[in-house]
């Protein structure tokens, strides 16, 4: 993507006009390709690609720059490749519920309800990291850990609760990867939502809406007041470098807020809670009639799930 951008960019600057990060450093995508020192400051949200007439991608540029010169990846690799709070299936299972690492932390009751539903259908669960934090940082992401676990358990289908897990693992694994909303819809599970949701779309599904097409079956209509906000603030691991952009994002969210803010990414929900936003709703929790508020007792919740028992 770096070479493609240097050759094909027409300097229209549409990318810069639509991105707080590019505006801050007064550069377009072509100029970004020469700024290796800024590689970890991109939120990797994909907005630039959505407006670029040449289909150029800041996400891919940032990734290539990070991969060429990785920095401080060892800690993330240590914590996430062999996830310290993992809880893997204890039996052979043709289909596996992959909760990821954040849903049990932010929505423990909703995760519990989902586990119970799957248990009745003979489906076991897994708490593990999809390795996206390592992958996006440019480190050595060990997808083989997940592949080996699936092979050991004869698993052919993976149900992903998290949109980040879904979009990454469907590209990296040789099994059938589906979203939890596809699973619920195809099995006639869940209740229609009475609200008219004001939706904040997660970066990973914002433009393809592969997951959202199944959520549509559970709503009659929706609003998009947050369209101009590119990322919740957690994308690309840029949060720790770009506090001023985070503050601006927070202000934009409060200004755009309309009655509620619906998400289908638990990480978005978690950071929105810290921003002080009101009436944060998670589609999975609402569809399953748990109506759970996002929890900020993350460490306590994931520790509990590390030791959650599997039924044999």
C-alpha atoms as a PDB file:
ATOM      1  CA  UNK A   1       0.000   0.000   0.000  1.00  0.00           C
ATOM      2  CA  UNK A   2       2.909   2.384   0.643  1.00  0.00           C
ATOM      3  CA  UNK A   3       4.241   2.096  -2.914  1.00  0.00           C
ATOM      4  CA  UNK A   4       0.736   2.142  -4.390  1.00  0.00           C
ATOM      5  CA  UNK A   5      -0.068   5.341  -2.476  1.00  0.00           C
ATOM      6  CA  UNK A   6       3.129   7.084  -3.546  1.00  0.00           C
ATOM      7  CA  UNK A   7       2.371   6.239  -7.176  1.00  0.00           C
ATOM      8  CA  UNK A   8      -1.398   6.774  -7.317  1.00  0.00           C
ATOM      9  CA  UNK A   9      -2.273   9.535  -4.825  1.00  0.00           C
ATOM     10  CA  UNK A  10      -3.686  12.573  -6.678  1.00  0.00           C
ATOM     11  CA  UNK A  11      -3.287  14.967  -3.709  1.00  0.00           C
ATOM     12  CA  UNK A  12      -7.002  15.721  -3.522  1.00  0.00           C
ATOM     13  CA  UNK A  13      -6.674  15.795   0.279  1.00  0.00           C
ATOM     14  CA  UNK A  14     -10.108  14.265   0.870  1.00  0.00           C
ATOM     15  CA  UNK A  15      -8.423  11.951   3.370  1.00  0.00           C
ATOM     16  CA  UNK A  16      -7.097  14.892   5.374  1.00  0.00           C
ATOM     17  CA  UNK A  17     -10.454  16.672   5.341  1.00  0.00           C
ATOM     18  CA  UNK A  18     -12.081  13.629   6.949  1.00  0.00           C
ATOM     19  CA  UNK A  19      -9.463  12.642   9.553  1.00  0.00           C
ATOM     20  CA  UNK A  20      -8.452  14.379  12.790  1.00  0.00           C
ATOM     21  CA  UNK A  21      -5.123  12.529  12.785  1.00  0.00           C
ATOM     22  CA  UNK A  22      -4.139  13.646   9.277  1.00  0.00           C
ATOM     23  CA  UNK A  23      -5.357  17.178  10.011  1.00  0.00           C
ATOM     24  CA  UNK A  24      -3.287  17.397  13.180  1.00  0.00           C
ATOM     25  CA  UNK A  25      -0.075  16.580  11.314  1.00  0.00           C
ATOM     26  CA  UNK A  26      -1.122  18.492   8.163  1.00  0.00           C
ATOM     27  CA  UNK A  27      -0.566  15.603   5.776  1.00  0.00           C
ATOM     28  CA  UNK A  28      -2.394  13.423   3.290  1.00  0.00           C
ATOM     29  CA  UNK A  29      -1.911   9.676   2.852  1.00  0.00           C
ATOM     30  CA  UNK A  30       1.006  10.051   0.454  1.00  0.00           C
ATOM     31  CA  UNK A  31       2.819  12.267   2.943  1.00  0.00           C
ATOM     32  CA  UNK A  32       1.980   9.810   5.726  1.00  0.00           C
ATOM     33  CA  UNK A  33       3.953   7.099   3.902  1.00  0.00           C
ATOM     34  CA  UNK A  34       7.133   9.076   4.637  1.00  0.00           C
ATOM     35  CA  UNK A  35       6.300   9.681   8.325  1.00  0.00           C
ATOM     36  CA  UNK A  36       7.369   6.442   9.985  1.00  0.00           C
ATOM     37  CA  UNK A  37       7.571   8.235  13.347  1.00  0.00           C
ATOM     38  CA  UNK A  38       3.763   8.676  13.216  1.00  0.00           C
ATOM     39  CA  UNK A  39       2.963   5.024  12.486  1.00  0.00           C
ATOM     40  CA  UNK A  40       1.512   4.349  15.958  1.00  0.00           C
ATOM     41  CA  UNK A  41      -0.616   7.490  16.008  1.00  0.00           C
ATOM     42  CA  UNK A  42      -3.106   6.388  13.346  1.00  0.00           C
ATOM     43  CA  UNK A  43      -6.397   5.012  14.722  1.00  0.00           C
ATOM     44  CA  UNK A  44      -6.699   2.638  11.739  1.00  0.00           C
ATOM     45  CA  UNK A  45     -10.423   3.365  11.416  1.00  0.00           C
ATOM     46  CA  UNK A  46     -10.677   3.141   7.616  1.00  0.00           C
ATOM     47  CA  UNK A  47     -12.368   6.504   7.051  1.00  0.00           C
ATOM     48  CA  UNK A  48      -9.669   7.679   4.632  1.00  0.00           C
ATOM     49  CA  UNK A  49     -10.157   4.669   2.373  1.00  0.00           C
ATOM     50  CA  UNK A  50     -13.925   5.223   2.306  1.00  0.00           C
ATOM     51  CA  UNK A  51     -13.498   8.720   0.816  1.00  0.00           C
ATOM     52  CA  UNK A  52     -10.384   8.144  -1.328  1.00  0.00           C
ATOM     53  CA  UNK A  53     -11.092   8.079  -5.102  1.00  0.00           C
ATOM     54  CA  UNK A  54      -8.064   5.798  -5.520  1.00  0.00           C
ATOM     55  CA  UNK A  55      -9.057   3.374  -2.747  1.00  0.00           C
ATOM     56  CA  UNK A  56      -5.910   4.108  -0.723  1.00  0.00           C
ATOM     57  CA  UNK A  57      -5.817   3.067   2.909  1.00  0.00           C
ATOM     58  CA  UNK A  58      -4.202   4.764   5.897  1.00  0.00           C
ATOM     59  CA  UNK A  59      -4.892   1.625   7.906  1.00  0.00           C
ATOM     60  CA  UNK A  60      -2.737  -0.435   5.560  1.00  0.00           C
ATOM     61  CA  UNK A  61      -0.053   2.262   5.421  1.00  0.00           C
ATOM     62  CA  UNK A  62       0.146   2.374   9.224  1.00  0.00           C
ATOM     63  CA  UNK A  63       0.274  -1.420   9.361  1.00  0.00           C
ATOM     64  CA  UNK A  64       3.084  -1.657   6.795  1.00  0.00           C
ATOM     65  CA  UNK A  65       5.085   1.037   8.603  1.00  0.00           C
ATOM     66  CA  UNK A  66       4.594  -0.725  11.937  1.00  0.00           C
ATOM     67  CA  UNK A  67       5.526  -4.084  10.467  1.00  0.00           C
ATOM     68  CA  UNK A  68       8.694  -2.638   8.944  1.00  0.00           C
ATOM     69  CA  UNK A  69       9.783  -1.170  12.274  1.00  0.00           C
ATOM     70  CA  UNK A  70       7.857  -2.686  15.211  1.00  0.00           C
ATOM     71  CA  UNK A  71       8.145  -0.968  18.566  1.00  0.00           C
ATOM     72  CA  UNK A  72       7.334  -2.158  22.101  1.00  0.00           C
ATOM     73  CA  UNK A  73       5.489  -5.256  20.879  1.00  0.00           C
ATOM     74  CA  UNK A  74       6.916  -7.728  23.398  1.00  0.00           C
ATOM     75  CA  UNK A  75       4.530  -6.759  26.212  1.00  0.00           C
ATOM     76  CA  UNK A  76       1.460  -7.097  23.978  1.00  0.00           C
ATOM     77  CA  UNK A  77       2.743 -10.397  22.599  1.00  0.00           C
ATOM     78  CA  UNK A  78       3.295 -11.693  26.137  1.00  0.00           C
ATOM     79  CA  UNK A  79      -0.173 -10.664  27.339  1.00  0.00           C
ATOM     80  CA  UNK A  80      -2.240 -11.493  24.265  1.00  0.00           C
ATOM     81  CA  UNK A  81      -0.616 -14.319  22.273  1.00  0.00           C
ATOM     82  CA  UNK A  82      -0.983 -16.638  25.230  1.00  0.00           C
ATOM     83  CA  UNK A  83      -3.856 -14.702  26.789  1.00  0.00           C
ATOM     84  CA  UNK A  84      -3.450 -14.740  30.545  1.00  0.00           C
ATOM     85  CA  UNK A  85      -7.204 -14.954  31.218  1.00  0.00           C
ATOM     86  CA  UNK A  86      -8.003 -17.534  28.568  1.00  0.00           C
ATOM     87  CA  UNK A  87     -10.529 -20.286  29.203  1.00  0.00           C
ATOM     88  CA  UNK A  88     -10.518 -22.823  26.391  1.00  0.00           C
ATOM     89  CA  UNK A  89     -13.092 -25.537  25.575  1.00  0.00           C
ATOM     90  CA  UNK A  90     -12.782 -28.791  27.467  1.00  0.00           C
ATOM     91  CA  UNK A  91     -14.350 -31.101  24.885  1.00  0.00           C
ATOM     92  CA  UNK A  92     -14.649 -31.724  21.164  1.00  0.00           C
ATOM     93  CA  UNK A  93     -17.133 -29.308  19.659  1.00  0.00           C
ATOM     94  CA  UNK A  94     -18.103 -28.918  15.991  1.00  0.00           C
ATOM     95  CA  UNK A  95     -19.211 -25.336  16.665  1.00  0.00           C
ATOM     96  CA  UNK A  96     -17.546 -23.054  19.205  1.00  0.00           C
ATOM     97  CA  UNK A  97     -18.676 -19.790  20.787  1.00  0.00           C
ATOM     98  CA  UNK A  98     -15.651 -17.467  20.693  1.00  0.00           C
ATOM     99  CA  UNK A  99     -16.304 -14.707  23.239  1.00  0.00           C
ATOM    100  CA  UNK A 100     -12.978 -12.984  22.647  1.00  0.00           C
ATOM    101  CA  UNK A 101     -11.469 -11.167  25.596  1.00  0.00           C
ATOM    102  CA  UNK A 102     -13.616  -8.030  25.966  1.00  0.00           C
ATOM    103  CA  UNK A 103     -17.234  -9.234  26.026  1.00  0.00           C
ATOM    104  CA  UNK A 104     -16.784 -11.181  29.292  1.00  0.00           C
ATOM    105  CA  UNK A 105     -15.069  -8.125  30.782  1.00  0.00           C
ATOM    106  CA  UNK A 106     -17.604  -5.481  29.788  1.00  0.00           C
ATOM    107  CA  UNK A 107     -20.794  -7.594  29.547  1.00  0.00           C
ATOM    108  CA  UNK A 108     -20.439 -10.575  31.908  1.00  0.00           C
ATOM    109  CA  UNK A 109     -24.192 -11.223  32.313  1.00  0.00           C
ATOM    110  CA  UNK A 110     -24.802 -11.067  28.571  1.00  0.00           C
ATOM    111  CA  UNK A 111     -21.889 -13.443  28.008  1.00  0.00           C
ATOM    112  CA  UNK A 112     -23.404 -15.790  30.586  1.00  0.00           C
ATOM    113  CA  UNK A 113     -26.765 -15.760  28.805  1.00  0.00           C
ATOM    114  CA  UNK A 114     -25.086 -16.516  25.499  1.00  0.00           C
ATOM    115  CA  UNK A 115     -23.109 -19.384  27.015  1.00  0.00           C
ATOM    116  CA  UNK A 116     -26.348 -20.862  28.427  1.00  0.00           C
ATOM    117  CA  UNK A 117     -28.067 -20.631  25.034  1.00  0.00           C
ATOM    118  CA  UNK A 118     -25.143 -22.353  23.333  1.00  0.00           C
ATOM    119  CA  UNK A 119     -24.882 -25.005  26.048  1.00  0.00           C
ATOM    120  CA  UNK A 120     -28.443 -26.141  25.322  1.00  0.00           C
ATOM    121  CA  UNK A 121     -27.407 -26.599  21.697  1.00  0.00           C
ATOM    122  CA  UNK A 122     -24.303 -28.611  22.568  1.00  0.00           C
ATOM    123  CA  UNK A 123     -21.942 -25.716  21.831  1.00  0.00           C
ATOM    124  CA  UNK A 124     -18.984 -25.043  24.123  1.00  0.00           C
ATOM    125  CA  UNK A 125     -17.366 -21.626  24.678  1.00  0.00           C
ATOM    126  CA  UNK A 126     -13.910 -20.082  24.572  1.00  0.00           C
ATOM    127  CA  UNK A 127     -12.499 -16.954  26.213  1.00  0.00           C
ATOM    128  CA  UNK A 128      -9.365 -15.931  24.332  1.00  0.00           C
ATOM    129  CA  UNK A 129      -7.808 -13.017  22.466  1.00  0.00           C
ATOM    130  CA  UNK A 130      -8.121 -12.981  18.672  1.00  0.00           C
ATOM    131  CA  UNK A 131      -4.555 -11.525  18.559  1.00  0.00           C
ATOM    132  CA  UNK A 132      -5.666  -8.280  16.895  1.00  0.00           C
ATOM    133  CA  UNK A 133      -3.756  -6.066  19.389  1.00  0.00           C
ATOM    134  CA  UNK A 134      -0.538  -7.905  18.495  1.00  0.00           C
ATOM    135  CA  UNK A 135      -1.303  -7.989  14.769  1.00  0.00           C
ATOM    136  CA  UNK A 136      -2.129  -4.275  14.472  1.00  0.00           C
ATOM    137  CA  UNK A 137       0.928  -3.310  16.494  1.00  0.00           C
ATOM    138  CA  UNK A 138       3.109  -5.052  13.932  1.00  0.00           C
ATOM    139  CA  UNK A 139       4.158  -7.837  16.276  1.00  0.00           C
ATOM    140  CA  UNK A 140       4.242 -11.600  15.822  1.00  0.00           C
ATOM    141  CA  UNK A 141       0.570 -12.534  16.143  1.00  0.00           C
ATOM    142  CA  UNK A 142       0.255 -16.244  16.886  1.00  0.00           C
ATOM    143  CA  UNK A 143      -2.962 -17.172  15.102  1.00  0.00           C
ATOM    144  CA  UNK A 144      -1.559 -20.699  15.165  1.00  0.00           C
ATOM    145  CA  UNK A 145      -2.529 -20.878  18.859  1.00  0.00           C
ATOM    146  CA  UNK A 146      -6.188 -20.532  17.860  1.00  0.00           C
ATOM    147  CA  UNK A 147      -5.787 -22.822  14.840  1.00  0.00           C
ATOM    148  CA  UNK A 148      -4.255 -25.570  16.972  1.00  0.00           C
ATOM    149  CA  UNK A 149      -7.040 -25.299  19.545  1.00  0.00           C
ATOM    150  CA  UNK A 150      -9.717 -25.547  16.842  1.00  0.00           C
ATOM    151  CA  UNK A 151      -8.000 -28.494  15.185  1.00  0.00           C
ATOM    152  CA  UNK A 152      -7.613 -30.289  18.520  1.00  0.00           C
ATOM    153  CA  UNK A 153     -11.348 -29.898  19.191  1.00  0.00           C
ATOM    154  CA  UNK A 154     -12.477 -30.745  15.635  1.00  0.00           C
ATOM    155  CA  UNK A 155     -14.143 -27.341  15.397  1.00  0.00           C
ATOM    156  CA  UNK A 156     -15.517 -26.373  11.994  1.00  0.00           C
ATOM    157  CA  UNK A 157     -17.532 -23.230  12.836  1.00  0.00           C
ATOM    158  CA  UNK A 158     -16.575 -20.306  15.060  1.00  0.00           C
ATOM    159  CA  UNK A 159     -19.254 -17.952  16.417  1.00  0.00           C
ATOM    160  CA  UNK A 160     -17.670 -14.567  17.180  1.00  0.00           C
ATOM    161  CA  UNK A 161     -19.304 -12.216  19.673  1.00  0.00           C
ATOM    162  CA  UNK A 162     -16.876  -9.376  18.912  1.00  0.00           C
ATOM    163  CA  UNK A 163     -16.842  -7.627  15.509  1.00  0.00           C
ATOM    164  CA  UNK A 164     -13.058  -7.233  15.661  1.00  0.00           C
ATOM    165  CA  UNK A 165     -12.624 -10.969  16.228  1.00  0.00           C
ATOM    166  CA  UNK A 166     -15.040 -11.751  13.403  1.00  0.00           C
ATOM    167  CA  UNK A 167     -13.452  -9.546  10.753  1.00  0.00           C
ATOM    168  CA  UNK A 168      -9.881 -10.578  11.597  1.00  0.00           C
ATOM    169  CA  UNK A 169     -10.346 -14.306  12.174  1.00  0.00           C
ATOM    170  CA  UNK A 170     -12.451 -14.897   9.070  1.00  0.00           C
ATOM    171  CA  UNK A 171      -9.376 -13.772   7.093  1.00  0.00           C
ATOM    172  CA  UNK A 172      -6.869 -15.726   9.153  1.00  0.00           C
ATOM    173  CA  UNK A 173      -8.502 -19.082   9.961  1.00  0.00           C
ATOM    174  CA  UNK A 174      -9.458 -22.050   7.805  1.00  0.00           C
ATOM    175  CA  UNK A 175     -12.831 -22.584   9.483  1.00  0.00           C
ATOM    176  CA  UNK A 176     -16.282 -21.101   8.960  1.00  0.00           C
ATOM    177  CA  UNK A 177     -16.400 -17.855  10.969  1.00  0.00           C
ATOM    178  CA  UNK A 178     -19.805 -16.278  11.622  1.00  0.00           C
ATOM    179  CA  UNK A 179     -20.992 -13.410  13.804  1.00  0.00           C
ATOM    180  CA  UNK A 180     -23.103 -14.032  16.875  1.00  0.00           C
ATOM    181  CA  UNK A 181     -25.945 -12.099  15.236  1.00  0.00           C
ATOM    182  CA  UNK A 182     -25.981 -14.454  12.248  1.00  0.00           C
ATOM    183  CA  UNK A 183     -26.072 -17.371  14.681  1.00  0.00           C
ATOM    184  CA  UNK A 184     -28.982 -15.868  16.634  1.00  0.00           C
ATOM    185  CA  UNK A 185     -30.978 -14.959  13.529  1.00  0.00           C
ATOM    186  CA  UNK A 186     -30.523 -18.323  11.803  1.00  0.00           C
ATOM    187  CA  UNK A 187     -31.649 -20.122  14.959  1.00  0.00           C
ATOM    188  CA  UNK A 188     -34.632 -17.860  15.655  1.00  0.00           C
ATOM    189  CA  UNK A 189     -33.174 -16.612  18.936  1.00  0.00           C
ATOM    190  CA  UNK A 190     -33.641 -13.135  20.380  1.00  0.00           C
ATOM    191  CA  UNK A 191     -36.277 -10.450  20.653  1.00  0.00           C
ATOM    192  CA  UNK A 192     -36.908  -7.432  18.479  1.00  0.00           C
ATOM    193  CA  UNK A 193     -35.817  -4.108  19.976  1.00  0.00           C
ATOM    194  CA  UNK A 194     -38.582  -1.544  20.546  1.00  0.00           C
ATOM    195  CA  UNK A 195     -36.230   1.453  20.617  1.00  0.00           C
ATOM    196  CA  UNK A 196     -35.183   3.385  17.563  1.00  0.00           C
ATOM    197  CA  UNK A 197     -31.445   2.996  18.080  1.00  0.00           C
ATOM    198  CA  UNK A 198     -28.932   5.750  17.420  1.00  0.00           C
ATOM    199  CA  UNK A 199     -26.027   3.622  16.252  1.00  0.00           C
ATOM    200  CA  UNK A 200     -22.289   4.059  16.555  1.00  0.00           C
ATOM    201  CA  UNK A 201     -20.825   1.582  14.082  1.00  0.00           C
ATOM    202  CA  UNK A 202     -17.552  -0.140  15.018  1.00  0.00           C
ATOM    203  CA  UNK A 203     -14.622   0.592  12.693  1.00  0.00           C
ATOM    204  CA  UNK A 204     -14.357  -3.022  11.569  1.00  0.00           C
ATOM    205  CA  UNK A 205     -17.960  -3.204  10.315  1.00  0.00           C
ATOM    206  CA  UNK A 206     -18.703   0.424   9.502  1.00  0.00           C
ATOM    207  CA  UNK A 207     -18.279   0.207   5.751  1.00  0.00           C
ATOM    208  CA  UNK A 208     -18.999  -3.438   4.915  1.00  0.00           C
ATOM    209  CA  UNK A 209     -21.829  -3.864   7.465  1.00  0.00           C
ATOM    210  CA  UNK A 210     -21.545  -7.633   7.151  1.00  0.00           C
ATOM    211  CA  UNK A 211     -22.529  -8.083  10.776  1.00  0.00           C
ATOM    212  CA  UNK A 212     -25.108  -5.304  10.809  1.00  0.00           C
ATOM    213  CA  UNK A 213     -27.177  -6.973   8.072  1.00  0.00           C
ATOM    214  CA  UNK A 214     -28.237  -9.541  10.686  1.00  0.00           C
ATOM    215  CA  UNK A 215     -28.913  -6.914  13.366  1.00  0.00           C
ATOM    216  CA  UNK A 216     -31.369  -5.309  10.935  1.00  0.00           C
ATOM    217  CA  UNK A 217     -33.743  -8.222  11.545  1.00  0.00           C
ATOM    218  CA  UNK A 218     -34.085  -7.099  15.167  1.00  0.00           C
ATOM    219  CA  UNK A 219     -34.931  -3.420  14.574  1.00  0.00           C
ATOM    220  CA  UNK A 220     -37.554  -1.493  12.604  1.00  0.00           C
ATOM    221  CA  UNK A 221     -35.376   1.514  11.903  1.00  0.00           C
ATOM    222  CA  UNK A 222     -32.340   3.375  13.152  1.00  0.00           C
ATOM    223  CA  UNK A 223     -30.552   6.721  13.248  1.00  0.00           C
ATOM    224  CA  UNK A 224     -26.912   7.522  12.478  1.00  0.00           C
ATOM    225  CA  UNK A 225     -26.107  10.735  14.383  1.00  0.00           C
ATOM    226  CA  UNK A 226     -22.490   9.680  14.946  1.00  0.00           C
ATOM    227  CA  UNK A 227     -21.446   9.291  11.292  1.00  0.00           C
ATOM    228  CA  UNK A 228     -18.836  12.052  11.425  1.00  0.00           C
ATOM    229  CA  UNK A 229     -17.010  10.401  14.329  1.00  0.00           C
ATOM    230  CA  UNK A 230     -14.522   7.995  12.811  1.00  0.00           C
ATOM    231  CA  UNK A 231     -13.519   5.904  15.831  1.00  0.00           C
ATOM    232  CA  UNK A 232     -14.483   5.440  19.474  1.00  0.00           C
ATOM    233  CA  UNK A 233     -10.873   6.231  20.394  1.00  0.00           C
ATOM    234  CA  UNK A 234      -9.495   2.738  20.888  1.00  0.00           C
ATOM    235  CA  UNK A 235      -8.583   1.925  17.301  1.00  0.00           C
ATOM    236  CA  UNK A 236      -5.014   1.161  16.318  1.00  0.00           C
ATOM    237  CA  UNK A 237      -3.698   1.546  19.853  1.00  0.00           C
ATOM    238  CA  UNK A 238      -3.283   5.289  19.204  1.00  0.00           C
ATOM    239  CA  UNK A 239      -5.124   6.435  22.330  1.00  0.00           C
ATOM    240  CA  UNK A 240      -2.013   6.730  24.513  1.00  0.00           C
ATOM    241  CA  UNK A 241      -0.299   8.987  21.960  1.00  0.00           C
ATOM    242  CA  UNK A 242      -3.186  11.210  20.897  1.00  0.00           C
ATOM    243  CA  UNK A 243      -4.918  12.539  24.011  1.00  0.00           C
ATOM    244  CA  UNK A 244      -6.037  15.729  22.252  1.00  0.00           C
ATOM    245  CA  UNK A 245      -7.764  13.734  19.492  1.00  0.00           C
ATOM    246  CA  UNK A 246      -9.437  11.601  22.153  1.00  0.00           C
ATOM    247  CA  UNK A 247     -10.712  14.756  23.859  1.00  0.00           C
ATOM    248  CA  UNK A 248     -12.057  16.066  20.557  1.00  0.00           C
ATOM    249  CA  UNK A 249     -13.743  12.706  19.880  1.00  0.00           C
ATOM    250  CA  UNK A 250     -15.350  12.845  23.305  1.00  0.00           C
ATOM    251  CA  UNK A 251     -16.717  16.350  22.655  1.00  0.00           C
ATOM    252  CA  UNK A 252     -18.071  15.319  19.258  1.00  0.00           C
ATOM    253  CA  UNK A 253     -19.853  12.318  20.776  1.00  0.00           C
ATOM    254  CA  UNK A 254     -21.502  14.405  23.480  1.00  0.00           C
ATOM    255  CA  UNK A 255     -22.577  16.984  20.904  1.00  0.00           C
ATOM    256  CA  UNK A 256     -24.031  14.342  18.557  1.00  0.00           C
ATOM    257  CA  UNK A 257     -25.696  12.253  21.299  1.00  0.00           C
ATOM    258  CA  UNK A 258     -29.406  11.535  20.663  1.00  0.00           C
ATOM    259  CA  UNK A 259     -31.420   9.722  23.374  1.00  0.00           C
ATOM    260  CA  UNK A 260     -29.181   6.645  23.265  1.00  0.00           C
ATOM    261  CA  UNK A 261     -26.013   5.246  21.744  1.00  0.00           C
ATOM    262  CA  UNK A 262     -26.221   1.660  20.512  1.00  0.00           C
ATOM    263  CA  UNK A 263     -23.094  -0.360  19.798  1.00  0.00           C
ATOM    264  CA  UNK A 264     -22.265  -3.932  18.906  1.00  0.00           C
ATOM    265  CA  UNK A 265     -18.657  -3.646  20.036  1.00  0.00           C
ATOM    266  CA  UNK A 266     -18.101  -4.050  23.775  1.00  0.00           C
ATOM    267  CA  UNK A 267     -14.885  -2.004  23.652  1.00  0.00           C
ATOM    268  CA  UNK A 268     -16.802   0.957  22.208  1.00  0.00           C
ATOM    269  CA  UNK A 269     -19.320   0.607  25.033  1.00  0.00           C
ATOM    270  CA  UNK A 270     -16.546   0.528  27.613  1.00  0.00           C
ATOM    271  CA  UNK A 271     -14.823   3.699  26.466  1.00  0.00           C
ATOM    272  CA  UNK A 272     -18.156   5.498  26.011  1.00  0.00           C
ATOM    273  CA  UNK A 273     -18.858   4.807  29.680  1.00  0.00           C
ATOM    274  CA  UNK A 274     -15.582   6.501  30.639  1.00  0.00           C
ATOM    275  CA  UNK A 275     -16.573   9.477  28.447  1.00  0.00           C
ATOM    276  CA  UNK A 276     -19.692   9.948  30.580  1.00  0.00           C
ATOM    277  CA  UNK A 277     -22.172   9.201  27.787  1.00  0.00           C
ATOM    278  CA  UNK A 278     -25.681   8.235  28.885  1.00  0.00           C
ATOM    279  CA  UNK A 279     -27.989   5.391  27.871  1.00  0.00           C
ATOM    280  CA  UNK A 280     -25.304   3.205  26.293  1.00  0.00           C
ATOM    281  CA  UNK A 281     -26.933   0.109  24.823  1.00  0.00           C
ATOM    282  CA  UNK A 282     -25.354  -3.032  23.442  1.00  0.00           C
ATOM    283  CA  UNK A 283     -27.276  -4.800  20.675  1.00  0.00           C
ATOM    284  CA  UNK A 284     -26.388  -8.283  21.875  1.00  0.00           C
ATOM    285  CA  UNK A 285     -27.525  -7.573  25.419  1.00  0.00           C
ATOM    286  CA  UNK A 286     -30.784  -5.989  24.235  1.00  0.00           C
ATOM    287  CA  UNK A 287     -31.615  -8.747  21.732  1.00  0.00           C
ATOM    288  CA  UNK A 288     -31.048 -11.387  24.431  1.00  0.00           C
ATOM    289  CA  UNK A 289     -33.212  -9.345  26.856  1.00  0.00           C
ATOM    290  CA  UNK A 290     -30.450  -9.049  29.446  1.00  0.00           C
ATOM    291  CA  UNK A 291     -30.480  -5.228  29.240  1.00  0.00           C
ATOM    292  CA  UNK A 292     -27.091  -5.067  30.915  1.00  0.00           C
ATOM    293  CA  UNK A 293     -25.239  -1.829  31.574  1.00  0.00           C
ATOM    294  CA  UNK A 294     -21.606  -1.871  30.510  1.00  0.00           C
ATOM    295  CA  UNK A 295     -19.404  -2.847  33.453  1.00  0.00           C
ATOM    296  CA  UNK A 296     -16.173  -1.081  34.334  1.00  0.00           C
ATOM    297  CA  UNK A 297     -15.146  -3.909  36.692  1.00  0.00           C
ATOM    298  CA  UNK A 298     -13.207  -5.367  33.791  1.00  0.00           C
ATOM    299  CA  UNK A 299     -10.391  -7.102  35.681  1.00  0.00           C
ATOM    300  CA  UNK A 300     -12.762  -8.709  38.176  1.00  0.00           C
ATOM    301  CA  UNK A 301     -15.032  -9.960  35.393  1.00  0.00           C
ATOM    302  CA  UNK A 302     -12.309 -11.477  33.208  1.00  0.00           C
ATOM    303  CA  UNK A 303     -10.762 -13.178  36.233  1.00  0.00           C
ATOM    304  CA  UNK A 304     -14.130 -14.760  36.994  1.00  0.00           C
ATOM    305  CA  UNK A 305     -14.421 -16.031  33.417  1.00  0.00           C
ATOM    306  CA  UNK A 306     -10.930 -17.491  33.490  1.00  0.00           C
ATOM    307  CA  UNK A 307     -12.221 -20.012  36.036  1.00  0.00           C
ATOM    308  CA  UNK A 308     -15.741 -20.460  34.643  1.00  0.00           C
ATOM    309  CA  UNK A 309     -16.575 -24.152  34.404  1.00  0.00           C
ATOM    310  CA  UNK A 310     -17.482 -25.894  31.172  1.00  0.00           C
ATOM    311  CA  UNK A 311     -20.202 -28.520  31.034  1.00  0.00           C
ATOM    312  CA  UNK A 312     -19.093 -31.898  29.740  1.00  0.00           C
END
